[in-house]
Every structure is written in structure tokens, then in C-alpha cells.
PDB file of N, CA and C in Angstrom:
ATOM      1  N   MET A   1     -42.658  -1.425 -53.404  1.00  0.00           N
ATOM      2  CA  MET A   1     -42.530  -2.863 -53.495  1.00  0.00           C
ATOM      3  C   MET A   1     -41.063  -3.208 -53.259  1.00  0.00           C
ATOM      4  N   SER A   2     -40.755  -3.943 -52.205  1.00  0.00           N
ATOM      5  CA  SER A   2     -39.379  -4.287 -51.888  1.00  0.00           C
ATOM      6  C   SER A   2     -39.020  -5.634 -52.505  1.00  0.00           C
ATOM      7  N   ASP A   3     -37.715  -5.959 -52.461  1.00  0.00           N
ATOM      8  CA  ASP A   3     -37.273  -7.257 -52.962  1.00  0.00           C
ATOM      9  C   ASP A   3     -37.904  -8.384 -52.155  1.00  0.00           C
ATOM     10  N   PHE A   4     -38.113  -8.140 -50.847  1.00  0.00           N
ATOM     11  CA  PHE A   4     -38.729  -9.148 -49.990  1.00  0.00           C
ATOM     12  C   PHE A   4     -40.158  -9.454 -50.443  1.00  0.00           C
ATOM     13  N   GLU A   5     -40.902  -8.423 -50.800  1.00  0.00           N
ATOM     14  CA  GLU A   5     -42.303  -8.599 -51.205  1.00  0.00           C
ATOM     15  C   GLU A   5     -42.427  -9.347 -52.522  1.00  0.00           C
ATOM     16  N   THR A   6     -41.435  -9.212 -53.385  1.00  0.00           N
ATOM     17  CA  THR A   6     -41.534  -9.803 -54.719  1.00  0.00           C
ATOM     18  C   THR A   6     -40.607 -10.991 -54.896  1.00  0.00           C
ATOM     19  N   ALA A   7     -40.140 -11.573 -53.797  1.00  0.00           N
ATOM     20  CA  ALA A   7     -39.180 -12.672 -53.875  1.00  0.00           C
ATOM     21  C   ALA A   7     -39.737 -13.844 -54.684  1.00  0.00           C
ATOM     22  N   GLY A   8     -41.052 -14.069 -54.649  1.00  0.00           N
ATOM     23  CA  GLY A   8     -41.643 -15.181 -55.370  1.00  0.00           C
ATOM     24  C   GLY A   8     -41.856 -14.903 -56.851  1.00  0.00           C
ATOM     25  N   ALA A   9     -41.830 -13.654 -57.246  1.00  0.00           N
ATOM     26  CA  ALA A   9     -42.086 -13.298 -58.647  1.00  0.00           C
ATOM     27  C   ALA A   9     -40.789 -13.382 -59.454  1.00  0.00           C
ATOM     28  N   SER A  10     -40.891 -13.906 -60.666  1.00  0.00           N
ATOM     29  CA  SER A  10     -39.703 -13.957 -61.524  1.00  0.00           C
ATOM     30  C   SER A  10     -39.430 -12.565 -62.070  1.00  0.00           C
ATOM     31  N   TRP A  11     -38.196 -12.364 -62.519  1.00  0.00           N
ATOM     32  CA  TRP A  11     -37.841 -11.055 -63.077  1.00  0.00           C
ATOM     33  C   TRP A  11     -38.630 -10.778 -64.342  1.00  0.00           C
ATOM     34  N   ASP A  12     -38.915 -11.807 -65.128  1.00  0.00           N
ATOM     35  CA  ASP A  12     -39.747 -11.598 -66.323  1.00  0.00           C
ATOM     36  C   ASP A  12     -41.110 -11.053 -65.918  1.00  0.00           C
ATOM     37  N   ASP A  13     -41.690 -11.626 -64.858  1.00  0.00           N
ATOM     38  CA  ASP A  13     -43.005 -11.183 -64.384  1.00  0.00           C
ATOM     39  C   ASP A  13     -42.959  -9.746 -63.879  1.00  0.00           C
ATOM     40  N   ARG A  14     -41.832  -9.326 -63.342  1.00  0.00           N
ATOM     41  CA  ARG A  14     -41.698  -7.967 -62.816  1.00  0.00           C
ATOM     42  C   ARG A  14     -41.391  -6.956 -63.920  1.00  0.00           C
ATOM     43  N   LEU A  15     -40.550  -7.332 -64.877  1.00  0.00           N
ATOM     44  CA  LEU A  15     -40.104  -6.373 -65.899  1.00  0.00           C
ATOM     45  C   LEU A  15     -41.044  -6.261 -67.097  1.00  0.00           C
ATOM     46  N   LEU A  16     -41.569  -7.367 -67.563  1.00  0.00           N
ATOM     47  CA  LEU A  16     -42.374  -7.328 -68.792  1.00  0.00           C
ATOM     48  C   LEU A  16     -43.562  -6.365 -68.717  1.00  0.00           C
ATOM     49  N   PRO A  17     -44.284  -6.281 -67.597  1.00  0.00           N
ATOM     50  CA  PRO A  17     -45.394  -5.311 -67.556  1.00  0.00           C
ATOM     51  C   PRO A  17     -44.925  -3.849 -67.650  1.00  0.00           C
ATOM     52  N   LEU A  18     -43.693  -3.573 -67.274  1.00  0.00           N
ATOM     53  CA  LEU A  18     -43.181  -2.203 -67.322  1.00  0.00           C
ATOM     54  C   LEU A  18     -42.652  -1.824 -68.700  1.00  0.00           C
ATOM     55  N   LEU A  19     -42.273  -2.825 -69.480  1.00  0.00           N
ATOM     56  CA  LEU A  19     -41.716  -2.561 -70.808  1.00  0.00           C
ATOM     57  C   LEU A  19     -42.836  -2.269 -71.800  1.00  0.00           C
ATOM     58  N   THR A  20     -42.634  -1.249 -72.602  1.00  0.00           N
ATOM     59  CA  THR A  20     -43.621  -0.843 -73.605  1.00  0.00           C
ATOM     60  C   THR A  20     -42.923  -0.741 -74.949  1.00  0.00           C
ATOM     61  N   ASP A  21     -43.614  -0.169 -75.930  1.00  0.00           N
ATOM     62  CA  ASP A  21     -43.007   0.079 -77.240  1.00  0.00           C
ATOM     63  C   ASP A  21     -42.079   1.296 -77.207  1.00  0.00           C
ATOM     64  N   GLU A  22     -42.123   2.056 -76.111  1.00  0.00           N
ATOM     65  CA  GLU A  22     -41.271   3.233 -75.955  1.00  0.00           C
ATOM     66  C   GLU A  22     -39.941   2.825 -75.332  1.00  0.00           C
ATOM     67  N   TRP A  23     -38.860   3.477 -75.772  1.00  0.00           N
ATOM     68  CA  TRP A  23     -37.532   3.213 -75.225  1.00  0.00           C
ATOM     69  C   TRP A  23     -37.453   3.752 -73.797  1.00  0.00           C
ATOM     70  N   GLN A  24     -36.884   2.936 -72.883  1.00  0.00           N
ATOM     71  CA  GLN A  24     -36.719   3.327 -71.483  1.00  0.00           C
ATOM     72  C   GLN A  24     -35.324   2.933 -71.017  1.00  0.00           C
ATOM     73  N   SER A  25     -34.736   3.757 -70.185  1.00  0.00           N
ATOM     74  CA  SER A  25     -33.412   3.431 -69.651  1.00  0.00           C
ATOM     75  C   SER A  25     -33.544   2.415 -68.529  1.00  0.00           C
ATOM     76  N   ALA A  26     -32.450   1.702 -68.280  1.00  0.00           N
ATOM     77  CA  ALA A  26     -32.418   0.761 -67.163  1.00  0.00           C
ATOM     78  C   ALA A  26     -32.585   1.515 -65.843  1.00  0.00           C
ATOM     79  N   ASP A  27     -32.063   2.749 -65.772  1.00  0.00           N
ATOM     80  CA  ASP A  27     -32.226   3.567 -64.562  1.00  0.00           C
ATOM     81  C   ASP A  27     -33.706   3.826 -64.274  1.00  0.00           C
ATOM     82  N   ALA A  28     -34.465   4.171 -65.301  1.00  0.00           N
ATOM     83  CA  ALA A  28     -35.891   4.454 -65.126  1.00  0.00           C
ATOM     84  C   ALA A  28     -36.644   3.202 -64.673  1.00  0.00           C
ATOM     85  N   LEU A  29     -36.297   2.061 -65.256  1.00  0.00           N
ATOM     86  CA  LEU A  29     -36.956   0.815 -64.862  1.00  0.00           C
ATOM     87  C   LEU A  29     -36.583   0.433 -63.433  1.00  0.00           C
ATOM     88  N   ALA A  30     -35.320   0.621 -63.064  1.00  0.00           N
ATOM     89  CA  ALA A  30     -34.881   0.316 -61.695  1.00  0.00           C
ATOM     90  C   ALA A  30     -35.605   1.192 -60.684  1.00  0.00           C
ATOM     91  N   ALA A  31     -35.791   2.454 -61.016  1.00  0.00           N
ATOM     92  CA  ALA A  31     -36.495   3.368 -60.113  1.00  0.00           C
ATOM     93  C   ALA A  31     -37.943   2.920 -59.913  1.00  0.00           C
ATOM     94  N   ARG A  32     -38.578   2.480 -60.988  1.00  0.00           N
ATOM     95  CA  ARG A  32     -39.969   2.028 -60.876  1.00  0.00           C
ATOM     96  C   ARG A  32     -40.091   0.737 -60.070  1.00  0.00           C
ATOM     97  N   LEU A  33     -39.037  -0.099 -60.112  1.00  0.00           N
ATOM     98  CA  LEU A  33     -39.048  -1.361 -59.363  1.00  0.00           C
ATOM     99  C   LEU A  33     -38.451  -1.222 -57.963  1.00  0.00           C
ATOM    100  N   HIS A  34     -37.917  -0.050 -57.662  1.00  0.00           N
ATOM    101  CA  HIS A  34     -37.267   0.200 -56.367  1.00  0.00           C
ATOM    102  C   HIS A  34     -36.153  -0.809 -56.102  1.00  0.00           C
ATOM    103  N   THR A  35     -35.302  -0.990 -57.104  1.00  0.00           N
ATOM    104  CA  THR A  35     -34.183  -1.920 -56.975  1.00  0.00           C
ATOM    105  C   THR A  35     -32.943  -1.313 -57.622  1.00  0.00           C
ATOM    106  N   LYS A  36     -31.840  -2.005 -57.550  1.00  0.00           N
ATOM    107  CA  LYS A  36     -30.566  -1.472 -58.032  1.00  0.00           C
ATOM    108  C   LYS A  36     -30.481  -1.512 -59.562  1.00  0.00           C
ATOM    109  N   HIS A  37     -29.840  -0.484 -60.101  1.00  0.00           N
ATOM    110  CA  HIS A  37     -29.655  -0.336 -61.545  1.00  0.00           C
ATOM    111  C   HIS A  37     -28.959  -1.557 -62.144  1.00  0.00           C
ATOM    112  N   PHE A  38     -27.883  -2.023 -61.501  1.00  0.00           N
ATOM    113  CA  PHE A  38     -27.107  -3.128 -62.061  1.00  0.00           C
ATOM    114  C   PHE A  38     -27.882  -4.441 -62.063  1.00  0.00           C
ATOM    115  N   THR A  39     -28.767  -4.622 -61.098  1.00  0.00           N
ATOM    116  CA  THR A  39     -29.610  -5.818 -61.063  1.00  0.00           C
ATOM    117  C   THR A  39     -30.560  -5.819 -62.255  1.00  0.00           C
ATOM    118  N   VAL A  40     -31.205  -4.687 -62.485  1.00  0.00           N
ATOM    119  CA  VAL A  40     -32.139  -4.569 -63.611  1.00  0.00           C
ATOM    120  C   VAL A  40     -31.390  -4.727 -64.936  1.00  0.00           C
ATOM    121  N   LEU A  41     -30.222  -4.120 -65.045  1.00  0.00           N
ATOM    122  CA  LEU A  41     -29.431  -4.225 -66.271  1.00  0.00           C
ATOM    123  C   LEU A  41     -29.062  -5.682 -66.562  1.00  0.00           C
ATOM    124  N   ALA A  42     -28.683  -6.439 -65.540  1.00  0.00           N
ATOM    125  CA  ALA A  42     -28.348  -7.857 -65.725  1.00  0.00           C
ATOM    126  C   ALA A  42     -29.563  -8.651 -66.183  1.00  0.00           C
ATOM    127  N   ARG A  43     -30.735  -8.378 -65.597  1.00  0.00           N
ATOM    128  CA  ARG A  43     -31.956  -9.096 -65.993  1.00  0.00           C
ATOM    129  C   ARG A  43     -32.364  -8.727 -67.424  1.00  0.00           C
ATOM    130  N   LEU A  44     -32.204  -7.449 -67.788  1.00  0.00           N
ATOM    131  CA  LEU A  44     -32.520  -7.020 -69.153  1.00  0.00           C
ATOM    132  C   LEU A  44     -31.565  -7.666 -70.160  1.00  0.00           C
ATOM    133  N   LYS A  45     -30.312  -7.807 -69.788  1.00  0.00           N
ATOM    134  CA  LYS A  45     -29.339  -8.463 -70.669  1.00  0.00           C
ATOM    135  C   LYS A  45     -29.742  -9.916 -70.901  1.00  0.00           C
ATOM    136  N   ASP A  46     -30.217 -10.585 -69.850  1.00  0.00           N
ATOM    137  CA  ASP A  46     -30.704 -11.955 -69.991  1.00  0.00           C
ATOM    138  C   ASP A  46     -31.923 -12.000 -70.911  1.00  0.00           C
ATOM    139  N   MET A  47     -32.834 -11.049 -70.740  1.00  0.00           N
ATOM    140  CA  MET A  47     -34.022 -10.989 -71.591  1.00  0.00           C
ATOM    141  C   MET A  47     -33.646 -10.663 -73.030  1.00  0.00           C
ATOM    142  N   LEU A  48     -32.593  -9.886 -73.223  1.00  0.00           N
ATOM    143  CA  LEU A  48     -32.114  -9.557 -74.563  1.00  0.00           C
ATOM    144  C   LEU A  48     -31.629 -10.819 -75.279  1.00  0.00           C
ATOM    145  N   ARG A  49     -30.916 -11.659 -74.555  1.00  0.00           N
ATOM    146  CA  ARG A  49     -30.433 -12.926 -75.135  1.00  0.00           C
ATOM    147  C   ARG A  49     -31.582 -13.826 -75.558  1.00  0.00           C
ATOM    148  N   ARG A  50     -32.715 -13.719 -74.858  1.00  0.00           N
ATOM    149  CA  ARG A  50     -33.889 -14.545 -75.180  1.00  0.00           C
ATOM    150  C   ARG A  50     -34.855 -13.844 -76.131  1.00  0.00           C
ATOM    151  N   ASN A  51     -34.418 -12.722 -76.696  1.00  0.00           N
ATOM    152  CA  ASN A  51     -35.211 -11.961 -77.673  1.00  0.00           C
ATOM    153  C   ASN A  51     -36.549 -11.477 -77.124  1.00  0.00           C
ATOM    154  N   LEU A  52     -36.572 -11.112 -75.841  1.00  0.00           N
ATOM    155  CA  LEU A  52     -37.784 -10.551 -75.255  1.00  0.00           C
ATOM    156  C   LEU A  52     -37.766  -9.032 -75.272  1.00  0.00           C
ATOM    157  N   VAL A  53     -36.571  -8.439 -75.368  1.00  0.00           N
ATOM    158  CA  VAL A  53     -36.421  -6.990 -75.412  1.00  0.00           C
ATOM    159  C   VAL A  53     -35.434  -6.606 -76.505  1.00  0.00           C
ATOM    160  N   GLU A  54     -35.521  -5.346 -76.916  1.00  0.00           N
ATOM    161  CA  GLU A  54     -34.558  -4.757 -77.847  1.00  0.00           C
ATOM    162  C   GLU A  54     -33.736  -3.727 -77.085  1.00  0.00           C
ATOM    163  N   ARG A  55     -32.504  -3.487 -77.534  1.00  0.00           N
ATOM    164  CA  ARG A  55     -31.643  -2.507 -76.889  1.00  0.00           C
ATOM    165  C   ARG A  55     -31.098  -1.552 -77.937  1.00  0.00           C
ATOM    166  N   ARG A  56     -30.939  -0.283 -77.527  1.00  0.00           N
ATOM    167  CA  ARG A  56     -30.240   0.687 -78.356  1.00  0.00           C
ATOM    168  C   ARG A  56     -29.327   1.496 -77.432  1.00  0.00           C
ATOM    169  N   ILE A  57     -28.263   2.010 -77.996  1.00  0.00           N
ATOM    170  CA  ILE A  57     -27.310   2.821 -77.257  1.00  0.00           C
ATOM    171  C   ILE A  57     -27.515   4.275 -77.675  1.00  0.00           C
ATOM    172  N   VAL A  58     -27.682   5.163 -76.698  1.00  0.00           N
ATOM    173  CA  VAL A  58     -27.923   6.582 -76.973  1.00  0.00           C
ATOM    174  C   VAL A  58     -26.946   7.419 -76.152  1.00  0.00           C
ATOM    175  N   PRO A  59     -26.660   8.637 -76.611  1.00  0.00           N
ATOM    176  CA  PRO A  59     -25.809   9.533 -75.807  1.00  0.00           C
ATOM    177  C   PRO A  59     -26.480   9.843 -74.477  1.00  0.00           C
ATOM    178  N   ASN A  60     -25.695   9.932 -73.439  1.00  0.00           N
ATOM    179  CA  ASN A  60     -26.224  10.269 -72.120  1.00  0.00           C
ATOM    180  C   ASN A  60     -26.461  11.765 -72.081  1.00  0.00           C
ATOM    181  N   ALA A  61     -27.711  12.175 -72.051  1.00  0.00           N
ATOM    182  CA  ALA A  61     -28.077  13.590 -72.147  1.00  0.00           C
ATOM    183  C   ALA A  61     -28.309  14.221 -70.772  1.00  0.00           C
ATOM    184  N   VAL A  62     -27.989  13.514 -69.710  1.00  0.00           N
ATOM    185  CA  VAL A  62     -28.244  14.020 -68.366  1.00  0.00           C
ATOM    186  C   VAL A  62     -27.093  14.913 -67.929  1.00  0.00           C
ATOM    187  N   GLY A  63     -27.346  16.194 -67.838  1.00  0.00           N
ATOM    188  CA  GLY A  63     -26.359  17.136 -67.313  1.00  0.00           C
ATOM    189  C   GLY A  63     -25.112  17.266 -68.152  1.00  0.00           C
ATOM    190  N   LYS A  64     -24.108  17.892 -67.550  1.00  0.00           N
ATOM    191  CA  LYS A  64     -22.835  18.100 -68.226  1.00  0.00           C
ATOM    192  C   LYS A  64     -22.013  16.820 -68.194  1.00  0.00           C
ATOM    193  N   LYS A  65     -21.042  16.743 -69.083  1.00  0.00           N
ATOM    194  CA  LYS A  65     -20.144  15.597 -69.118  1.00  0.00           C
ATOM    195  C   LYS A  65     -19.113  15.743 -68.000  1.00  0.00           C
ATOM    196  N   HIS A  66     -19.086  14.805 -67.087  1.00  0.00           N
ATOM    197  CA  HIS A  66     -18.142  14.814 -65.974  1.00  0.00           C
ATOM    198  C   HIS A  66     -17.385  13.506 -65.970  1.00  0.00           C
ATOM    199  N   ALA A  67     -16.207  13.533 -65.389  1.00  0.00           N
ATOM    200  CA  ALA A  67     -15.435  12.302 -65.234  1.00  0.00           C
ATOM    201  C   ALA A  67     -16.252  11.310 -64.421  1.00  0.00           C
ATOM    202  N   GLY A  68     -16.262  10.071 -64.850  1.00  0.00           N
ATOM    203  CA  GLY A  68     -17.005   9.039 -64.146  1.00  0.00           C
ATOM    204  C   GLY A  68     -18.428   8.845 -64.634  1.00  0.00           C
ATOM    205  N   ARG A  69     -18.967   9.784 -65.386  1.00  0.00           N
ATOM    206  CA  ARG A  69     -20.323   9.648 -65.915  1.00  0.00           C
ATOM    207  C   ARG A  69     -20.220   9.034 -67.313  1.00  0.00           C
ATOM    208  N   PRO A  70     -20.972   7.991 -67.576  1.00  0.00           N
ATOM    209  CA  PRO A  70     -20.900   7.368 -68.899  1.00  0.00           C
ATOM    210  C   PRO A  70     -21.345   8.336 -70.000  1.00  0.00           C
ATOM    211  N   LEU A  71     -20.700   8.232 -71.148  1.00  0.00           N
ATOM    212  CA  LEU A  71     -21.059   9.080 -72.283  1.00  0.00           C
ATOM    213  C   LEU A  71     -22.278   8.539 -73.018  1.00  0.00           C
ATOM    214  N   GLN A  72     -22.541   7.247 -72.827  1.00  0.00           N
ATOM    215  CA  GLN A  72     -23.684   6.614 -73.490  1.00  0.00           C
ATOM    216  C   GLN A  72     -24.456   5.784 -72.472  1.00  0.00           C
ATOM    217  N   GLN A  73     -25.707   5.505 -72.806  1.00  0.00           N
ATOM    218  CA  GLN A  73     -26.503   4.614 -71.962  1.00  0.00           C
ATOM    219  C   GLN A  73     -27.366   3.728 -72.846  1.00  0.00           C
ATOM    220  N   ALA A  74     -27.765   2.598 -72.303  1.00  0.00           N
ATOM    221  CA  ALA A  74     -28.621   1.661 -73.025  1.00  0.00           C
ATOM    222  C   ALA A  74     -30.072   1.955 -72.688  1.00  0.00           C
ATOM    223  N   GLU A  75     -30.909   1.839 -73.699  1.00  0.00           N
ATOM    224  CA  GLU A  75     -32.352   1.932 -73.514  1.00  0.00           C
ATOM    225  C   GLU A  75     -32.971   0.651 -74.049  1.00  0.00           C
ATOM    226  N   PHE A  76     -34.069   0.257 -73.437  1.00  0.00           N
ATOM    227  CA  PHE A  76     -34.712  -1.013 -73.771  1.00  0.00           C
ATOM    228  C   PHE A  76     -36.195  -0.804 -74.051  1.00  0.00           C
ATOM    229  N   ARG A  77     -36.733  -1.696 -74.870  1.00  0.00           N
ATOM    230  CA  ARG A  77     -38.179  -1.749 -75.094  1.00  0.00           C
ATOM    231  C   ARG A  77     -38.556  -3.187 -75.404  1.00  0.00           C
ATOM    232  N   ARG A  78     -39.827  -3.458 -75.270  1.00  0.00           N
ATOM    233  CA  ARG A  78     -40.351  -4.793 -75.540  1.00  0.00           C
ATOM    234  C   ARG A  78     -40.210  -5.098 -77.032  1.00  0.00           C
ATOM    235  N   VAL A  79     -39.944  -6.342 -77.363  1.00  0.00           N
ATOM    236  CA  VAL A  79     -39.858  -6.760 -78.767  1.00  0.00           C
ATOM    237  C   VAL A  79     -41.267  -6.780 -79.333  1.00  0.00           C
ATOM    238  N   LYS A  80     -41.415  -6.172 -80.478  1.00  0.00           N
ATOM    239  CA  LYS A  80     -42.730  -6.156 -81.136  1.00  0.00           C
ATOM    240  C   LYS A  80     -42.977  -7.516 -81.772  1.00  0.00           C
ATOM    241  N   LEU A  81     -44.184  -8.006 -81.620  1.00  0.00           N
ATOM    242  CA  LEU A  81     -44.543  -9.278 -82.239  1.00  0.00           C
ATOM    243  C   LEU A  81     -44.768  -9.067 -83.722  1.00  0.00           C
ATOM    244  N   GLY A  82     -44.583 -10.126 -84.465  1.00  0.00           N
ATOM    245  CA  GLY A  82     -44.731 -10.027 -85.908  1.00  0.00           C
ATOM    246  C   GLY A  82     -43.493 -10.560 -86.592  1.00  0.00           C
ATOM    247  N   ARG A  83     -43.168  -9.990 -87.720  1.00  0.00           N
ATOM    248  CA  ARG A  83     -42.009 -10.456 -88.472  1.00  0.00           C
ATOM    249  C   ARG A  83     -40.764  -9.661 -88.098  1.00  0.00           C
ATOM    250  N   SER A  84     -39.669 -10.399 -87.957  1.00  0.00           N
ATOM    251  CA  SER A  84     -38.391  -9.751 -87.668  1.00  0.00           C
ATOM    252  C   SER A  84     -37.767  -9.316 -88.999  1.00  0.00           C
ATOM    253  N   PRO A  85     -36.721  -8.506 -88.959  1.00  0.00           N
ATOM    254  CA  PRO A  85     -36.097  -8.026 -90.199  1.00  0.00           C
ATOM    255  C   PRO A  85     -35.601  -9.148 -91.112  1.00  0.00           C
ATOM    256  N   ASP A  86     -35.261 -10.326 -90.540  1.00  0.00           N
ATOM    257  CA  ASP A  86     -34.785 -11.420 -91.379  1.00  0.00           C
ATOM    258  C   ASP A  86     -35.920 -12.301 -91.898  1.00  0.00           C
ATOM    259  N   GLY A  87     -37.164 -11.895 -91.652  1.00  0.00           N
ATOM    260  CA  GLY A  87     -38.306 -12.586 -92.220  1.00  0.00           C
ATOM    261  C   GLY A  87     -38.892 -13.679 -91.340  1.00  0.00           C
ATOM    262  N   GLU A  88     -38.251 -13.982 -90.202  1.00  0.00           N
ATOM    263  CA  GLU A  88     -38.785 -15.009 -89.313  1.00  0.00           C
ATOM    264  C   GLU A  88     -39.928 -14.436 -88.483  1.00  0.00           C
ATOM    265  N   ARG A  89     -40.857 -15.289 -88.153  1.00  0.00           N
ATOM    266  CA  ARG A  89     -41.987 -14.866 -87.317  1.00  0.00           C
ATOM    267  C   ARG A  89     -41.591 -14.954 -85.852  1.00  0.00           C
ATOM    268  N   ARG A  90     -41.959 -13.932 -85.070  1.00  0.00           N
ATOM    269  CA  ARG A  90     -41.647 -13.928 -83.636  1.00  0.00           C
ATOM    270  C   ARG A  90     -42.868 -14.289 -82.840  1.00  0.00           C
TER     271      ARG A  90
END
């Protein structure tokens, strides 16, 4: 699926079906959407602001530590419906 084919679909429509209760990296989501990592990361950041996804920071476990490779990476998952930790209903 190219960007041309999905030009009419919103990013929410493209990302939300891929997000599950399991943590996934932005790289993995970008690969599934056949698009750039930074584009997906920007859209996920927007969704994070709207409380549609959760984010956690984990050590980057891919290969050896090399200069230029991030030591940590962000993982995302869909926000679970129900009560949030502060008692508000989502």
C-alpha cells in the first residue's frame, strides 16, 4: 500500500487498526504501512496528545551499541478503554 493509494485515508484510519494492546515500535508500524519512520512517529505523537495511544521508552535491544544508534526507543499501544489512573472515564 503506497502513500498514493492511501492519500484519502486519515492517519488515524491507517494507524488505529494496527495498534493493539501489545507494545510496538514506530519502526515496526512504519514497516507495516510501507512509509517512513519519522512520518509514523509524528502521527503517533499527535495521537498521543489526543490520548489515543500510550507510549513507553525502552532500551534499544537491536544489535550492539554503535555511534549514531539510539540507546532507547519509543513503543506505542492503543489506549485501553475504561478508567484511567486518575479515575476519569475514557
